[in-house]
């Protein structure tokens, strides 16, 4: 047997540049690029045109691509299950049948659940868009300091238990409607 004088197997050692400095430099570039993209492009309102407007919508999550991605992944998974079950058919018929039926059923359930969440999110956004902005709530009344009489009570009245109010008819008008007055009775003789 002939032996070679040189060994072709050599151990490759990393230099400090590749093992320490390059990952740190890459991390700094990633952080700086992400922050620049956010502050210069994403944070601003969409005043862009064409491809920049589509990119802005994608980066601000106004457009969801996950639904299209899930549909494509579902197609790939189904084809994979069918191909695997055909390959398995030559060695185990019942196993192939189980993989074909059970695998497709499980894949369908998983992907339908994921799409259900996305459709729910999209429908909620549509409802919010149609309803418009919510009206501002009135400011909460501030509590009076102890010992002061609220303006609705006369000055001489003492704060005490509030008498129960009679139930109101829901069909009766509410608000500042004056009480109904009885018509005057004619004088009796």
N, C-alpha and C. Protein backbone atom coordinates (compact mmCIF):
# COMPACT_ATOMS: atom_id res chain seq x y z
N UNK A 1 0.83 -1.16 0.00
CA UNK A 1 0.00 0.00 0.00
C UNK A 1 0.88 1.23 0.00
N UNK A 2 0.43 2.20 -0.69
CA UNK A 2 1.19 3.44 -0.82
C UNK A 2 0.65 4.46 0.17
N UNK A 3 1.51 5.08 0.94
CA UNK A 3 1.06 6.09 1.89
C UNK A 3 1.49 7.47 1.40
N UNK A 4 0.63 8.39 1.64
CA UNK A 4 0.91 9.77 1.21
C UNK A 4 1.72 10.47 2.28
N UNK A 5 2.66 11.27 1.88
CA UNK A 5 3.48 11.94 2.89
C UNK A 5 2.74 13.10 3.57
N UNK A 6 1.69 13.57 2.94
CA UNK A 6 0.96 14.70 3.52
C UNK A 6 -0.45 14.27 3.91
N UNK A 7 -0.92 14.83 4.92
CA UNK A 7 -2.29 14.56 5.34
C UNK A 7 -3.20 15.62 4.71
N UNK A 8 -4.25 15.14 4.06
CA UNK A 8 -5.18 16.08 3.43
C UNK A 8 -6.29 16.53 4.37
N UNK A 9 -6.40 15.87 5.45
CA UNK A 9 -7.42 16.25 6.43
C UNK A 9 -6.81 17.27 7.38
N UNK A 10 -7.29 18.45 7.34
CA UNK A 10 -6.79 19.47 8.25
C UNK A 10 -7.96 20.09 9.00
N UNK A 11 -7.71 20.42 10.20
CA UNK A 11 -8.75 21.04 11.02
C UNK A 11 -8.79 22.53 10.70
N UNK A 12 -9.97 23.02 10.41
CA UNK A 12 -10.14 24.44 10.11
C UNK A 12 -10.48 25.14 11.42
N UNK A 13 -9.69 26.10 11.78
CA UNK A 13 -9.95 26.83 13.01
C UNK A 13 -10.45 28.22 12.66
N UNK A 14 -11.37 28.69 13.47
CA UNK A 14 -11.92 30.01 13.27
C UNK A 14 -10.99 31.05 13.87
N UNK A 15 -10.86 32.10 13.18
CA UNK A 15 -10.10 33.22 13.73
C UNK A 15 -11.04 34.07 14.56
N UNK A 16 -10.51 34.89 15.43
CA UNK A 16 -11.40 35.72 16.25
C UNK A 16 -12.33 36.61 15.42
N UNK A 17 -11.93 36.99 14.22
CA UNK A 17 -12.79 37.84 13.40
C UNK A 17 -14.09 37.12 13.06
N UNK A 18 -13.99 35.85 12.67
CA UNK A 18 -15.18 35.12 12.27
C UNK A 18 -15.99 34.60 13.45
N UNK A 19 -15.36 34.31 14.55
CA UNK A 19 -16.08 33.72 15.66
C UNK A 19 -16.67 34.74 16.62
N UNK A 20 -16.07 35.89 16.75
CA UNK A 20 -16.57 36.87 17.72
C UNK A 20 -16.99 38.18 17.06
N UNK A 21 -16.11 38.74 16.28
CA UNK A 21 -16.35 40.07 15.75
C UNK A 21 -17.43 40.11 14.68
N UNK A 22 -17.47 39.12 13.80
CA UNK A 22 -18.45 39.12 12.72
C UNK A 22 -19.89 38.99 13.23
N UNK A 23 -20.21 38.09 14.18
CA UNK A 23 -21.59 38.06 14.70
C UNK A 23 -21.99 39.35 15.41
N UNK A 24 -21.06 39.96 16.13
CA UNK A 24 -21.38 41.22 16.81
C UNK A 24 -21.63 42.32 15.78
N UNK A 25 -20.79 42.37 14.76
CA UNK A 25 -20.98 43.36 13.69
C UNK A 25 -22.30 43.14 12.96
N UNK A 26 -22.65 41.88 12.71
CA UNK A 26 -23.92 41.57 12.05
C UNK A 26 -25.09 41.99 12.93
N UNK A 27 -25.02 41.76 14.22
CA UNK A 27 -26.08 42.15 15.15
C UNK A 27 -26.27 43.67 15.16
N UNK A 28 -25.17 44.41 15.14
CA UNK A 28 -25.25 45.88 15.11
C UNK A 28 -25.89 46.36 13.82
N UNK A 29 -25.52 45.77 12.69
CA UNK A 29 -26.10 46.16 11.40
C UNK A 29 -27.59 45.83 11.37
N UNK A 30 -27.96 44.66 11.90
CA UNK A 30 -29.38 44.27 11.93
C UNK A 30 -30.20 45.24 12.77
N UNK A 31 -29.72 45.56 13.97
CA UNK A 31 -30.45 46.49 14.84
C UNK A 31 -30.54 47.88 14.23
N UNK A 32 -29.44 48.38 13.68
CA UNK A 32 -29.45 49.71 13.08
C UNK A 32 -30.37 49.75 11.86
N UNK A 33 -30.32 48.72 11.04
CA UNK A 33 -31.19 48.68 9.86
C UNK A 33 -32.66 48.58 10.22
N UNK A 34 -32.97 47.76 11.23
CA UNK A 34 -34.36 47.64 11.67
C UNK A 34 -34.90 48.92 12.25
N UNK A 35 -34.11 49.57 13.08
CA UNK A 35 -34.55 50.84 13.67
C UNK A 35 -34.68 51.93 12.61
N UNK A 36 -33.76 51.97 11.65
CA UNK A 36 -33.85 52.97 10.58
C UNK A 36 -35.08 52.72 9.74
N UNK A 37 -35.36 51.47 9.42
CA UNK A 37 -36.56 51.14 8.63
C UNK A 37 -37.82 51.55 9.38
N UNK A 38 -37.85 51.32 10.70
CA UNK A 38 -39.03 51.68 11.48
C UNK A 38 -39.22 53.19 11.54
N UNK A 39 -38.17 53.92 11.92
CA UNK A 39 -38.33 55.35 12.15
C UNK A 39 -38.44 56.15 10.85
N UNK A 40 -37.84 55.69 9.77
CA UNK A 40 -37.87 56.45 8.53
C UNK A 40 -39.01 56.05 7.60
N UNK A 41 -39.56 54.86 7.79
CA UNK A 41 -40.53 54.38 6.80
C UNK A 41 -41.83 53.91 7.42
N UNK A 42 -41.76 53.04 8.41
CA UNK A 42 -42.96 52.40 8.95
C UNK A 42 -43.77 53.34 9.83
N UNK A 43 -43.11 54.13 10.64
CA UNK A 43 -43.81 54.98 11.61
C UNK A 43 -44.60 56.10 10.94
N UNK A 44 -44.22 56.48 9.74
CA UNK A 44 -44.91 57.57 9.04
C UNK A 44 -46.23 57.09 8.47
N UNK A 45 -47.21 57.99 8.30
CA UNK A 45 -48.46 57.57 7.65
C UNK A 45 -48.20 57.23 6.19
N UNK A 46 -49.11 56.45 5.62
CA UNK A 46 -48.92 55.96 4.25
C UNK A 46 -49.22 57.07 3.26
N UNK A 47 -48.20 57.77 2.83
CA UNK A 47 -48.32 58.78 1.79
C UNK A 47 -47.55 58.35 0.55
N UNK A 48 -47.17 57.08 0.51
CA UNK A 48 -46.35 56.57 -0.57
C UNK A 48 -47.23 56.14 -1.74
N UNK A 49 -46.60 55.93 -2.87
CA UNK A 49 -47.31 55.52 -4.09
C UNK A 49 -46.69 54.22 -4.60
N UNK A 50 -47.50 53.39 -5.24
CA UNK A 50 -47.02 52.20 -5.93
C UNK A 50 -46.46 51.14 -5.01
N UNK A 51 -45.26 50.64 -5.36
CA UNK A 51 -44.64 49.55 -4.60
C UNK A 51 -44.30 49.97 -3.18
N UNK A 52 -43.92 51.24 -2.99
CA UNK A 52 -43.60 51.71 -1.64
C UNK A 52 -44.84 51.69 -0.75
N UNK A 53 -46.02 51.98 -1.31
CA UNK A 53 -47.26 51.92 -0.53
C UNK A 53 -47.57 50.48 -0.13
N UNK A 54 -47.35 49.54 -1.05
CA UNK A 54 -47.58 48.13 -0.72
C UNK A 54 -46.60 47.65 0.35
N UNK A 55 -45.35 48.09 0.24
CA UNK A 55 -44.35 47.73 1.23
C UNK A 55 -44.71 48.33 2.59
N UNK A 56 -45.18 49.56 2.60
CA UNK A 56 -45.60 50.20 3.85
C UNK A 56 -46.76 49.43 4.47
N UNK A 57 -47.74 49.04 3.66
CA UNK A 57 -48.88 48.27 4.18
C UNK A 57 -48.44 46.92 4.72
N UNK A 58 -47.47 46.30 4.07
CA UNK A 58 -46.98 45.00 4.54
C UNK A 58 -46.20 45.15 5.85
N UNK A 59 -45.40 46.19 5.97
CA UNK A 59 -44.59 46.37 7.17
C UNK A 59 -45.42 46.84 8.36
N UNK A 60 -46.54 47.50 8.11
CA UNK A 60 -47.41 47.95 9.20
C UNK A 60 -48.55 46.97 9.45
N UNK A 61 -48.52 45.83 8.79
CA UNK A 61 -49.50 44.75 8.95
C UNK A 61 -50.92 45.19 8.59
N UNK A 62 -51.04 46.06 7.62
CA UNK A 62 -52.37 46.39 7.09
C UNK A 62 -52.79 45.35 6.07
N UNK A 63 -51.82 44.68 5.49
CA UNK A 63 -52.08 43.61 4.54
C UNK A 63 -51.51 42.33 5.13
N UNK A 64 -52.33 41.29 5.18
CA UNK A 64 -51.89 40.01 5.72
C UNK A 64 -51.58 39.05 4.57
N UNK A 65 -50.41 38.48 4.61
CA UNK A 65 -50.00 37.49 3.62
C UNK A 65 -50.06 36.08 4.17
N UNK A 66 -50.36 35.95 5.45
CA UNK A 66 -50.35 34.65 6.09
C UNK A 66 -51.42 33.73 5.51
N UNK A 67 -52.55 34.29 5.14
CA UNK A 67 -53.63 33.46 4.59
C UNK A 67 -53.19 32.80 3.28
N UNK A 68 -52.55 33.57 2.41
CA UNK A 68 -52.06 33.01 1.15
C UNK A 68 -50.96 31.99 1.42
N UNK A 69 -50.10 32.30 2.39
CA UNK A 69 -49.01 31.38 2.74
C UNK A 69 -49.57 30.07 3.30
N UNK A 70 -50.59 30.16 4.16
CA UNK A 70 -51.19 28.95 4.73
C UNK A 70 -51.85 28.09 3.66
N UNK A 71 -52.51 28.73 2.70
CA UNK A 71 -53.14 27.96 1.62
C UNK A 71 -52.08 27.23 0.79
N UNK A 72 -50.96 27.91 0.51
CA UNK A 72 -49.89 27.26 -0.25
C UNK A 72 -49.26 26.12 0.57
N UNK A 73 -49.03 26.35 1.86
CA UNK A 73 -48.47 25.29 2.70
C UNK A 73 -49.41 24.10 2.82
N UNK A 74 -50.72 24.36 2.88
CA UNK A 74 -51.68 23.27 2.94
C UNK A 74 -51.60 22.42 1.67
N UNK A 75 -51.49 23.07 0.54
CA UNK A 75 -51.37 22.32 -0.72
C UNK A 75 -50.11 21.46 -0.72
N UNK A 76 -49.00 22.02 -0.25
CA UNK A 76 -47.75 21.27 -0.21
C UNK A 76 -47.86 20.08 0.75
N UNK A 77 -48.47 20.30 1.91
CA UNK A 77 -48.61 19.23 2.90
C UNK A 77 -49.49 18.11 2.36
N UNK A 78 -50.59 18.47 1.69
CA UNK A 78 -51.49 17.44 1.14
C UNK A 78 -50.77 16.61 0.08
N UNK A 79 -50.03 17.25 -0.80
CA UNK A 79 -49.28 16.50 -1.82
C UNK A 79 -48.23 15.62 -1.15
N UNK A 80 -47.57 16.12 -0.11
CA UNK A 80 -46.60 15.32 0.61
C UNK A 80 -47.23 14.10 1.26
N UNK A 81 -48.41 14.27 1.85
CA UNK A 81 -49.10 13.14 2.48
C UNK A 81 -49.49 12.11 1.43
N UNK A 82 -50.01 12.56 0.30
CA UNK A 82 -50.41 11.63 -0.76
C UNK A 82 -49.20 10.87 -1.29
N UNK A 83 -48.10 11.57 -1.54
CA UNK A 83 -46.90 10.90 -2.07
C UNK A 83 -46.36 9.91 -1.04
N UNK A 84 -46.32 10.30 0.22
CA UNK A 84 -45.83 9.39 1.25
C UNK A 84 -46.74 8.17 1.39
N UNK A 85 -48.05 8.36 1.30
CA UNK A 85 -48.95 7.22 1.40
C UNK A 85 -48.81 6.29 0.19
N UNK A 86 -48.53 6.82 -0.99
CA UNK A 86 -48.30 5.96 -2.16
C UNK A 86 -47.01 5.18 -1.98
N UNK A 87 -45.96 5.81 -1.46
CA UNK A 87 -44.71 5.09 -1.21
C UNK A 87 -44.94 4.01 -0.15
N UNK A 88 -45.69 4.33 0.89
CA UNK A 88 -45.97 3.39 1.96
C UNK A 88 -46.88 2.25 1.49
N UNK A 89 -47.61 2.47 0.43
CA UNK A 89 -48.54 1.48 -0.11
C UNK A 89 -47.82 0.19 -0.51
N UNK A 90 -46.57 0.28 -0.95
CA UNK A 90 -45.84 -0.90 -1.39
C UNK A 90 -45.36 -1.76 -0.23
N UNK A 91 -45.29 -1.20 0.99
CA UNK A 91 -44.82 -2.01 2.11
C UNK A 91 -45.93 -2.30 3.12
N UNK A 92 -46.88 -1.38 3.29
CA UNK A 92 -47.91 -1.57 4.30
C UNK A 92 -49.20 -0.93 3.79
N UNK A 93 -50.13 -1.75 3.36
CA UNK A 93 -51.36 -1.23 2.76
C UNK A 93 -52.21 -0.47 3.77
N UNK A 94 -52.42 -1.08 4.94
CA UNK A 94 -53.28 -0.43 5.93
C UNK A 94 -52.62 0.82 6.52
N UNK A 95 -51.33 0.80 6.67
CA UNK A 95 -50.62 2.00 7.12
C UNK A 95 -50.72 3.12 6.11
N UNK A 96 -50.63 2.77 4.82
CA UNK A 96 -50.76 3.78 3.76
C UNK A 96 -52.16 4.36 3.76
N UNK A 97 -53.16 3.51 3.95
CA UNK A 97 -54.55 3.98 3.99
C UNK A 97 -54.77 4.90 5.19
N UNK A 98 -54.19 4.51 6.33
CA UNK A 98 -54.32 5.33 7.54
C UNK A 98 -53.62 6.68 7.36
N UNK A 99 -52.42 6.69 6.78
CA UNK A 99 -51.71 7.95 6.54
C UNK A 99 -52.48 8.81 5.56
N UNK A 100 -53.02 8.22 4.52
CA UNK A 100 -53.75 8.98 3.50
C UNK A 100 -54.99 9.65 4.09
N UNK A 101 -55.79 8.88 4.81
CA UNK A 101 -57.05 9.44 5.35
C UNK A 101 -56.77 10.29 6.59
N UNK A 102 -56.05 9.73 7.56
CA UNK A 102 -55.80 10.46 8.81
C UNK A 102 -54.92 11.68 8.63
N UNK A 103 -53.90 11.56 7.80
CA UNK A 103 -53.01 12.69 7.57
C UNK A 103 -53.72 13.86 6.91
N UNK A 104 -54.53 13.56 5.90
CA UNK A 104 -55.29 14.63 5.23
C UNK A 104 -56.32 15.25 6.17
N UNK A 105 -56.95 14.41 6.99
CA UNK A 105 -57.94 14.93 7.93
C UNK A 105 -57.28 15.83 8.98
N UNK A 106 -56.17 15.40 9.53
CA UNK A 106 -55.47 16.21 10.54
C UNK A 106 -54.94 17.49 9.93
N UNK A 107 -54.37 17.40 8.73
CA UNK A 107 -53.85 18.61 8.07
C UNK A 107 -54.98 19.60 7.81
N UNK A 108 -56.13 19.08 7.38
CA UNK A 108 -57.27 19.96 7.11
C UNK A 108 -57.73 20.67 8.38
N UNK A 109 -57.82 19.94 9.47
CA UNK A 109 -58.28 20.54 10.73
C UNK A 109 -57.30 21.60 11.22
N UNK A 110 -56.02 21.31 11.16
CA UNK A 110 -55.01 22.26 11.64
C UNK A 110 -55.02 23.53 10.79
N UNK A 111 -55.05 23.38 9.47
CA UNK A 111 -55.02 24.56 8.61
C UNK A 111 -56.34 25.32 8.66
N UNK A 112 -57.46 24.63 8.83
CA UNK A 112 -58.74 25.35 8.97
C UNK A 112 -58.75 26.17 10.25
N UNK A 113 -58.20 25.62 11.33
CA UNK A 113 -58.16 26.37 12.57
C UNK A 113 -57.30 27.63 12.43
N UNK A 114 -56.16 27.49 11.77
CA UNK A 114 -55.29 28.65 11.56
C UNK A 114 -55.98 29.68 10.68
N UNK A 115 -56.65 29.24 9.63
CA UNK A 115 -57.37 30.18 8.76
C UNK A 115 -58.57 30.79 9.47
N UNK A 116 -59.19 30.03 10.36
CA UNK A 116 -60.31 30.56 11.12
C UNK A 116 -59.88 31.75 11.96
N UNK A 117 -58.71 31.66 12.59
CA UNK A 117 -58.20 32.78 13.37
C UNK A 117 -57.93 34.00 12.49
N UNK A 118 -57.38 33.77 11.32
CA UNK A 118 -57.11 34.89 10.41
C UNK A 118 -58.38 35.53 9.90
N UNK A 119 -59.37 34.72 9.54
CA UNK A 119 -60.64 35.26 9.05
C UNK A 119 -61.35 36.03 10.16
N UNK A 120 -61.26 35.51 11.39
CA UNK A 120 -61.86 36.22 12.53
C UNK A 120 -61.21 37.59 12.72
N UNK A 121 -59.90 37.65 12.60
CA UNK A 121 -59.17 38.91 12.72
C UNK A 121 -59.58 39.87 11.59
N UNK A 122 -59.65 39.35 10.37
CA UNK A 122 -60.02 40.21 9.22
C UNK A 122 -61.44 40.74 9.37
N UNK A 123 -62.38 39.90 9.82
CA UNK A 123 -63.76 40.35 10.00
C UNK A 123 -63.87 41.39 11.12
N UNK A 124 -63.09 41.22 12.17
CA UNK A 124 -63.10 42.20 13.25
C UNK A 124 -62.57 43.54 12.77
N UNK A 125 -61.52 43.51 11.96
CA UNK A 125 -61.00 44.75 11.39
C UNK A 125 -62.02 45.41 10.49
N UNK A 126 -62.76 44.63 9.72
CA UNK A 126 -63.78 45.17 8.83
C UNK A 126 -64.90 45.82 9.63
N UNK A 127 -65.30 45.19 10.72
CA UNK A 127 -66.35 45.77 11.58
C UNK A 127 -65.85 47.07 12.18
N UNK A 128 -64.63 47.09 12.67
CA UNK A 128 -64.06 48.32 13.25
C UNK A 128 -63.98 49.43 12.21
N UNK A 129 -63.61 49.08 10.98
CA UNK A 129 -63.50 50.08 9.93
C UNK A 129 -64.87 50.66 9.60
N UNK A 130 -65.90 49.81 9.56
CA UNK A 130 -67.25 50.29 9.23
C UNK A 130 -67.85 51.13 10.35
N UNK A 131 -67.52 50.80 11.60
CA UNK A 131 -68.08 51.54 12.72
C UNK A 131 -67.43 52.90 12.89
N UNK A 132 -66.22 53.06 12.44
CA UNK A 132 -65.55 54.35 12.57
C UNK A 132 -64.97 54.52 13.96
N UNK A 133 -64.44 55.71 14.22
CA UNK A 133 -63.83 55.93 15.55
C UNK A 133 -64.90 55.97 16.63
N UNK A 134 -64.54 55.54 17.81
CA UNK A 134 -65.46 55.55 18.94
C UNK A 134 -65.61 56.97 19.46
N UNK A 135 -66.81 57.34 19.92
CA UNK A 135 -66.96 58.67 20.50
C UNK A 135 -66.19 58.74 21.81
N UNK A 136 -65.75 59.94 22.12
CA UNK A 136 -65.00 60.11 23.36
C UNK A 136 -65.95 60.02 24.54
N UNK A 137 -65.48 59.36 25.59
CA UNK A 137 -66.30 59.21 26.79
C UNK A 137 -66.25 60.51 27.59
N UNK A 138 -67.37 60.87 28.23
CA UNK A 138 -67.33 62.07 29.07
C UNK A 138 -66.43 61.84 30.27
N UNK A 139 -65.88 62.93 30.75
CA UNK A 139 -64.97 62.83 31.89
C UNK A 139 -65.74 62.37 33.11
N UNK A 140 -65.13 61.54 33.91
CA UNK A 140 -65.77 61.03 35.12
C UNK A 140 -65.91 62.17 36.12
N UNK A 141 -67.06 62.24 36.81
CA UNK A 141 -67.22 63.32 37.80
C UNK A 141 -66.24 63.11 38.94
N UNK A 142 -65.71 64.22 39.41
CA UNK A 142 -64.74 64.15 40.51
C UNK A 142 -65.49 64.12 41.83
N UNK A 143 -64.96 63.37 42.75
CA UNK A 143 -65.60 63.25 44.07
C UNK A 143 -65.44 64.56 44.83
N UNK A 144 -66.53 64.94 45.52
CA UNK A 144 -66.50 66.14 46.34
C UNK A 144 -65.73 65.85 47.62
N UNK A 145 -65.05 66.88 48.15
CA UNK A 145 -64.36 66.66 49.43
C UNK A 145 -65.37 66.36 50.52
N UNK A 146 -64.98 65.62 51.54
CA UNK A 146 -65.93 65.29 52.61
C UNK A 146 -66.42 66.56 53.31
N UNK A 147 -67.69 66.52 53.66
CA UNK A 147 -68.29 67.65 54.36
C UNK A 147 -68.97 68.64 53.45
N UNK A 148 -68.87 68.52 52.16
CA UNK A 148 -69.55 69.43 51.25
C UNK A 148 -70.85 68.80 50.80
N UNK A 149 -71.81 69.63 50.51
CA UNK A 149 -73.11 69.16 50.06
C UNK A 149 -73.15 69.22 48.54
N UNK A 150 -73.54 68.15 47.89
CA UNK A 150 -73.63 68.18 46.43
C UNK A 150 -74.65 69.23 45.99
N UNK A 151 -74.47 69.82 44.80
CA UNK A 151 -75.37 70.88 44.37
C UNK A 151 -76.79 70.42 44.13
N UNK A 152 -77.06 69.13 43.99
CA UNK A 152 -78.44 68.68 43.73
C UNK A 152 -79.28 68.71 45.00
N UNK A 153 -78.65 68.78 46.17
CA UNK A 153 -79.40 68.80 47.41
C UNK A 153 -79.46 70.23 47.94
N UNK A 154 -80.55 70.60 48.59
CA UNK A 154 -80.60 71.93 49.22
C UNK A 154 -79.57 72.01 50.34
N UNK A 155 -79.20 73.22 50.67
CA UNK A 155 -78.13 73.44 51.65
C UNK A 155 -78.46 72.85 53.01
N UNK A 156 -79.69 72.82 53.41
CA UNK A 156 -80.06 72.33 54.73
C UNK A 156 -80.20 70.82 54.78
N UNK A 157 -80.18 70.15 53.66
CA UNK A 157 -80.43 68.70 53.66
C UNK A 157 -79.22 67.95 54.15
N UNK A 158 -79.47 66.89 54.85
CA UNK A 158 -78.41 66.04 55.36
C UNK A 158 -78.22 64.88 54.40
N UNK A 159 -76.98 64.48 54.23
CA UNK A 159 -76.72 63.31 53.41
C UNK A 159 -77.07 62.09 54.23
N UNK A 160 -77.90 61.26 53.70
CA UNK A 160 -78.32 60.06 54.42
C UNK A 160 -78.68 59.00 53.41
N UNK A 161 -79.33 57.95 53.89
CA UNK A 161 -79.72 56.90 52.96
C UNK A 161 -80.70 57.44 51.93
N UNK A 162 -80.53 57.01 50.72
CA UNK A 162 -81.39 57.45 49.62
C UNK A 162 -82.62 56.55 49.60
N UNK A 163 -83.82 57.17 49.59
CA UNK A 163 -85.02 56.33 49.56
C UNK A 163 -85.10 55.60 48.22
N UNK A 164 -85.65 54.39 48.22
CA UNK A 164 -85.74 53.64 46.96
C UNK A 164 -86.68 54.34 45.98
N UNK A 165 -86.29 54.30 44.73
CA UNK A 165 -87.08 54.91 43.67
C UNK A 165 -88.08 53.89 43.14
N UNK A 166 -89.30 54.35 42.78
CA UNK A 166 -90.25 53.39 42.20
C UNK A 166 -89.75 52.97 40.82
N UNK A 167 -90.07 51.75 40.42
CA UNK A 167 -89.62 51.29 39.09
C UNK A 167 -90.22 52.16 38.00
N UNK A 168 -89.41 52.43 36.99
CA UNK A 168 -89.88 53.28 35.89
C UNK A 168 -90.31 52.41 34.73
N UNK A 169 -91.29 52.90 34.02
CA UNK A 169 -91.76 52.21 32.82
C UNK A 169 -90.74 52.45 31.72
N UNK A 170 -90.20 51.38 31.08
CA UNK A 170 -89.20 51.61 30.04
C UNK A 170 -89.77 52.33 28.83
N UNK A 171 -91.06 52.26 28.63
CA UNK A 171 -91.65 52.95 27.48
C UNK A 171 -91.87 54.43 27.77
N UNK A 172 -91.79 54.82 29.05
CA UNK A 172 -91.99 56.22 29.41
C UNK A 172 -90.81 57.04 28.94
N UNK A 173 -91.05 58.27 28.55
CA UNK A 173 -89.94 59.11 28.09
C UNK A 173 -88.99 59.40 29.24
N UNK A 174 -87.74 59.44 28.91
CA UNK A 174 -86.69 59.70 29.89
C UNK A 174 -86.14 61.10 29.66
N UNK A 175 -85.37 61.58 30.62
CA UNK A 175 -84.69 62.85 30.43
C UNK A 175 -85.42 63.99 31.10
N UNK A 176 -85.37 65.16 30.49
CA UNK A 176 -85.93 66.38 31.08
C UNK A 176 -87.35 66.61 30.59
N UNK A 177 -88.21 65.66 30.76
CA UNK A 177 -89.61 65.79 30.37
C UNK A 177 -90.39 66.22 31.60
N UNK A 178 -91.16 67.31 31.51
CA UNK A 178 -91.91 67.74 32.70
C UNK A 178 -93.00 66.72 33.03
N UNK A 179 -93.36 66.63 34.33
CA UNK A 179 -94.41 65.68 34.70
C UNK A 179 -95.74 66.08 34.06
N UNK A 180 -96.55 65.08 33.78
CA UNK A 180 -97.84 65.33 33.14
C UNK A 180 -98.78 66.00 34.13
N UNK A 181 -99.43 67.07 33.67
CA UNK A 181 -100.35 67.80 34.55
C UNK A 181 -101.78 67.37 34.23
N UNK A 182 -102.57 67.27 35.31
CA UNK A 182 -104.00 66.92 35.15
C UNK A 182 -104.76 68.15 34.66
N UNK A 183 -105.74 67.93 33.79
CA UNK A 183 -106.53 69.09 33.35
C UNK A 183 -107.32 69.68 34.53
N UNK A 184 -107.49 70.99 34.54
CA UNK A 184 -108.23 71.61 35.67
C UNK A 184 -109.68 71.12 35.72
N UNK A 185 -110.16 70.88 36.93
CA UNK A 185 -111.55 70.44 37.14
C UNK A 185 -112.49 71.67 37.18
N UNK A 186 -113.66 71.55 36.58
CA UNK A 186 -114.61 72.68 36.67
C UNK A 186 -115.10 72.85 38.11
N UNK A 187 -115.35 74.11 38.51
CA UNK A 187 -115.81 74.33 39.90
C UNK A 187 -117.18 73.67 40.12
N UNK A 188 -117.36 73.09 41.27
CA UNK A 188 -118.64 72.44 41.59
C UNK A 188 -119.51 73.44 42.36
N UNK A 189 -120.81 73.29 42.21
CA UNK A 189 -121.74 74.22 42.85
C UNK A 189 -122.36 73.69 44.07
